[in-house]
């Protein structure tokens, strides 16, 4: 009989201790941010702030728009990154010439304006007001330098020239172009 009473007292003590721990934990957690444990929260630099349709972004220089970007969809993150779909970036030079960079998917640093655009179902394209068309699988855009870069194979078609190769650095007006390798060109009069 003493053994049964001893077991009941031990069980009551254990249950009382567990109840006190649960009550204390609930009281402590009530004051804490317990929506999502910190261990399971995404890194703060990748936290999605807003998802939108019809995103537009522009940069001005000396009171004029030097380039503007639009996308059908955009996800904006806390680290100033934008993930974009159906992108068009239009560059306008002081002399009125322009170039449009068009792609399916991309990312953009909204602080610097730098972007990376890659092929989805269509080639990444640059079309200039001077009649050049460039196609490739991916491009990186450096906003401050107004320069594009690809490491992929590319093709450029102009009024008097066709050339292709692998890897390209160029300003958006196609006035300066450097090709890494496998260059083939045809000049027309």
Protein backbone atom coordinates (compact mmCIF):
# COMPACT_ATOMS: atom_id res chain seq x y z
CA UNK A 1 0.00 0.00 0.00
CA UNK A 2 2.86 2.36 0.83
CA UNK A 3 4.31 1.66 -2.61
CA UNK A 4 1.05 2.62 -4.37
CA UNK A 5 0.78 5.88 -2.37
CA UNK A 6 4.41 6.64 -3.11
CA UNK A 7 3.82 6.15 -6.87
CA UNK A 8 0.70 8.34 -6.81
CA UNK A 9 2.59 11.11 -4.96
CA UNK A 10 5.48 10.86 -7.44
CA UNK A 11 3.05 10.99 -10.39
CA UNK A 12 1.30 14.06 -8.89
CA UNK A 13 4.66 15.75 -8.36
CA UNK A 14 5.74 15.03 -11.95
CA UNK A 15 2.40 16.20 -13.39
CA UNK A 16 2.49 19.33 -11.22
CA UNK A 17 6.02 20.14 -12.39
CA UNK A 18 5.07 19.62 -16.06
CA UNK A 19 1.97 21.82 -15.64
CA UNK A 20 4.06 24.56 -14.00
CA UNK A 21 6.64 24.39 -16.82
CA UNK A 22 3.94 24.56 -19.49
CA UNK A 23 2.23 27.50 -17.80
CA UNK A 24 5.54 29.35 -17.36
CA UNK A 25 6.57 28.69 -20.96
CA UNK A 26 3.21 29.90 -22.26
CA UNK A 27 3.50 33.09 -20.19
CA UNK A 28 7.03 33.75 -21.49
CA UNK A 29 6.14 33.01 -25.11
CA UNK A 30 3.06 35.21 -24.93
CA UNK A 31 5.39 38.22 -24.62
CA UNK A 32 7.78 37.05 -27.38
CA UNK A 33 7.38 37.17 -31.17
CA UNK A 34 6.24 33.61 -31.66
CA UNK A 35 4.67 33.82 -35.11
CA UNK A 36 7.59 31.93 -36.68
CA UNK A 37 10.54 30.64 -34.66
CA UNK A 38 13.73 32.51 -35.60
CA UNK A 39 15.34 29.26 -36.75
CA UNK A 40 12.67 28.85 -39.45
CA UNK A 41 12.49 32.48 -40.60
CA UNK A 42 14.06 33.25 -44.00
CA UNK A 43 17.27 35.26 -43.99
CA UNK A 44 16.36 38.92 -43.58
CA UNK A 45 18.13 39.82 -46.81
CA UNK A 46 15.79 37.58 -48.82
CA UNK A 47 12.46 38.42 -47.16
CA UNK A 48 9.77 39.22 -49.73
CA UNK A 49 8.34 42.69 -49.13
CA UNK A 50 5.86 42.98 -51.96
CA UNK A 51 4.71 41.19 -55.10
CA UNK A 52 3.21 43.31 -57.84
CA UNK A 53 2.11 43.43 -61.44
CA UNK A 54 3.10 46.30 -63.69
CA UNK A 55 6.42 47.35 -62.10
CA UNK A 56 8.26 50.45 -63.41
CA UNK A 57 11.64 51.90 -62.43
CA UNK A 58 13.56 54.85 -63.92
CA UNK A 59 16.88 56.62 -63.48
CA UNK A 60 17.42 60.29 -64.24
CA UNK A 61 20.61 62.18 -65.03
CA UNK A 62 20.69 65.99 -65.13
CA UNK A 63 16.91 66.18 -65.15
CA UNK A 64 16.26 63.74 -67.99
CA UNK A 65 15.37 60.04 -67.89
CA UNK A 66 18.48 58.15 -68.98
CA UNK A 67 16.83 54.74 -68.76
CA UNK A 68 13.59 53.20 -67.63
CA UNK A 69 12.62 49.63 -66.87
CA UNK A 70 9.24 47.97 -66.88
CA UNK A 71 8.23 44.42 -66.00
CA UNK A 72 4.94 42.54 -66.11
CA UNK A 73 5.60 41.07 -62.64
CA UNK A 74 8.04 41.90 -59.85
CA UNK A 75 8.88 40.47 -56.43
CA UNK A 76 10.69 43.06 -54.28
CA UNK A 77 12.87 41.82 -51.44
CA UNK A 78 14.22 43.43 -48.29
CA UNK A 79 17.80 43.38 -49.66
CA UNK A 80 16.75 45.72 -52.54
CA UNK A 81 16.62 42.87 -55.04
CA UNK A 82 13.76 42.69 -57.53
CA UNK A 83 12.96 39.44 -59.35
CA UNK A 84 11.29 40.30 -62.64
CA UNK A 85 9.27 38.70 -65.44
CA UNK A 86 8.81 40.05 -68.97
CA UNK A 87 11.34 42.87 -68.72
CA UNK A 88 12.09 45.79 -70.98
CA UNK A 89 14.80 48.35 -70.24
CA UNK A 90 14.88 51.37 -72.57
CA UNK A 91 18.04 53.47 -72.64
CA UNK A 92 17.91 57.01 -73.99
CA UNK A 93 21.11 58.91 -74.85
CA UNK A 94 21.39 62.70 -74.65
CA UNK A 95 21.28 62.84 -78.47
CA UNK A 96 17.89 61.06 -78.50
CA UNK A 97 19.15 57.66 -79.67
CA UNK A 98 17.76 54.73 -77.75
CA UNK A 99 18.20 51.01 -77.20
CA UNK A 100 15.77 48.51 -75.67
CA UNK A 101 16.92 45.42 -73.76
CA UNK A 102 14.13 42.82 -73.67
CA UNK A 103 14.02 39.53 -71.74
CA UNK A 104 11.75 37.02 -70.05
CA UNK A 105 13.33 36.68 -66.57
CA UNK A 106 15.73 38.70 -64.50
CA UNK A 107 16.91 40.23 -61.27
CA UNK A 108 17.69 43.83 -60.50
CA UNK A 109 19.48 45.62 -57.68
CA UNK A 110 17.10 48.55 -57.12
CA UNK A 111 19.82 50.52 -55.31
CA UNK A 112 22.31 50.49 -58.22
CA UNK A 113 20.04 49.70 -61.17
CA UNK A 114 22.29 46.78 -62.20
CA UNK A 115 20.36 43.87 -63.67
CA UNK A 116 20.83 40.33 -64.98
CA UNK A 117 18.42 39.11 -67.62
CA UNK A 118 18.15 35.58 -68.92
CA UNK A 119 16.32 33.60 -71.53
CA UNK A 120 12.94 32.10 -70.75
CA UNK A 121 10.97 31.01 -73.81
CA UNK A 122 12.57 33.76 -75.96
CA UNK A 123 16.08 35.05 -76.58
CA UNK A 124 17.31 38.06 -74.65
CA UNK A 125 17.34 40.91 -77.19
CA UNK A 126 18.74 44.39 -77.61
CA UNK A 127 17.17 46.56 -80.31
CA UNK A 128 18.68 49.99 -81.06
CA UNK A 129 17.24 53.01 -82.85
CA UNK A 130 20.21 52.74 -85.23
CA UNK A 131 18.95 49.40 -86.52
CA UNK A 132 20.99 46.85 -84.54
CA UNK A 133 19.46 43.65 -83.16
CA UNK A 134 21.43 41.49 -80.73
CA UNK A 135 20.23 38.12 -79.41
CA UNK A 136 21.74 35.89 -76.71
CA UNK A 137 20.76 33.69 -73.74
CA UNK A 138 21.68 36.09 -70.92
CA UNK A 139 22.92 39.62 -70.31
CA UNK A 140 24.21 41.58 -67.37
CA UNK A 141 23.50 45.32 -67.31
CA UNK A 142 25.73 47.79 -65.42
CA UNK A 143 23.63 50.92 -65.01
CA UNK A 144 26.42 53.34 -64.08
CA UNK A 145 28.49 52.33 -67.10
CA UNK A 146 25.53 51.89 -69.49
CA UNK A 147 27.19 48.60 -70.48
CA UNK A 148 26.00 45.07 -71.18
CA UNK A 149 27.93 41.82 -70.83
CA UNK A 150 27.27 38.24 -71.84
CA UNK A 151 29.46 35.17 -71.65
CA UNK A 152 27.06 33.24 -73.90
CA UNK A 153 27.03 32.90 -77.70
CA UNK A 154 25.38 35.92 -79.37
CA UNK A 155 24.38 37.30 -82.75
CA UNK A 156 24.27 40.96 -83.86
CA UNK A 157 22.54 42.09 -87.03
CA UNK A 158 22.85 45.64 -88.33
CA UNK A 159 22.19 47.47 -91.60
CA UNK A 160 25.73 46.91 -92.86
CA UNK A 161 27.08 44.15 -90.61
CA UNK A 162 26.29 40.74 -89.19
CA UNK A 163 28.54 39.24 -86.56
CA UNK A 164 28.44 36.51 -83.98
CA UNK A 165 30.70 35.13 -81.31
CA UNK A 166 30.93 34.05 -77.70
CA UNK A 167 31.17 36.56 -74.87
CA UNK A 168 30.58 40.25 -75.45
CA UNK A 169 31.08 43.58 -73.67
CA UNK A 170 29.34 46.60 -75.21
CA UNK A 171 27.87 49.98 -74.44
CA UNK A 172 24.13 50.05 -75.05
CA UNK A 173 24.50 52.21 -78.17
CA UNK A 174 26.70 49.49 -79.75
CA UNK A 175 29.42 52.11 -80.38
CA UNK A 176 32.04 50.07 -78.47
CA UNK A 177 31.94 46.28 -78.70
CA UNK A 178 34.51 43.71 -77.52
CA UNK A 179 34.07 40.01 -78.30
CA UNK A 180 35.80 37.25 -76.31
CA UNK A 181 36.04 34.43 -78.90
CA UNK A 182 34.71 32.66 -81.99
CA UNK A 183 34.10 35.89 -83.94
CA UNK A 184 32.54 35.65 -87.38
CA UNK A 185 31.57 38.80 -89.25
CA UNK A 186 30.05 39.71 -92.60
CA UNK A 187 30.21 43.32 -93.85
CA UNK A 188 27.70 44.54 -96.45
CA UNK A 189 27.92 47.64 -98.63
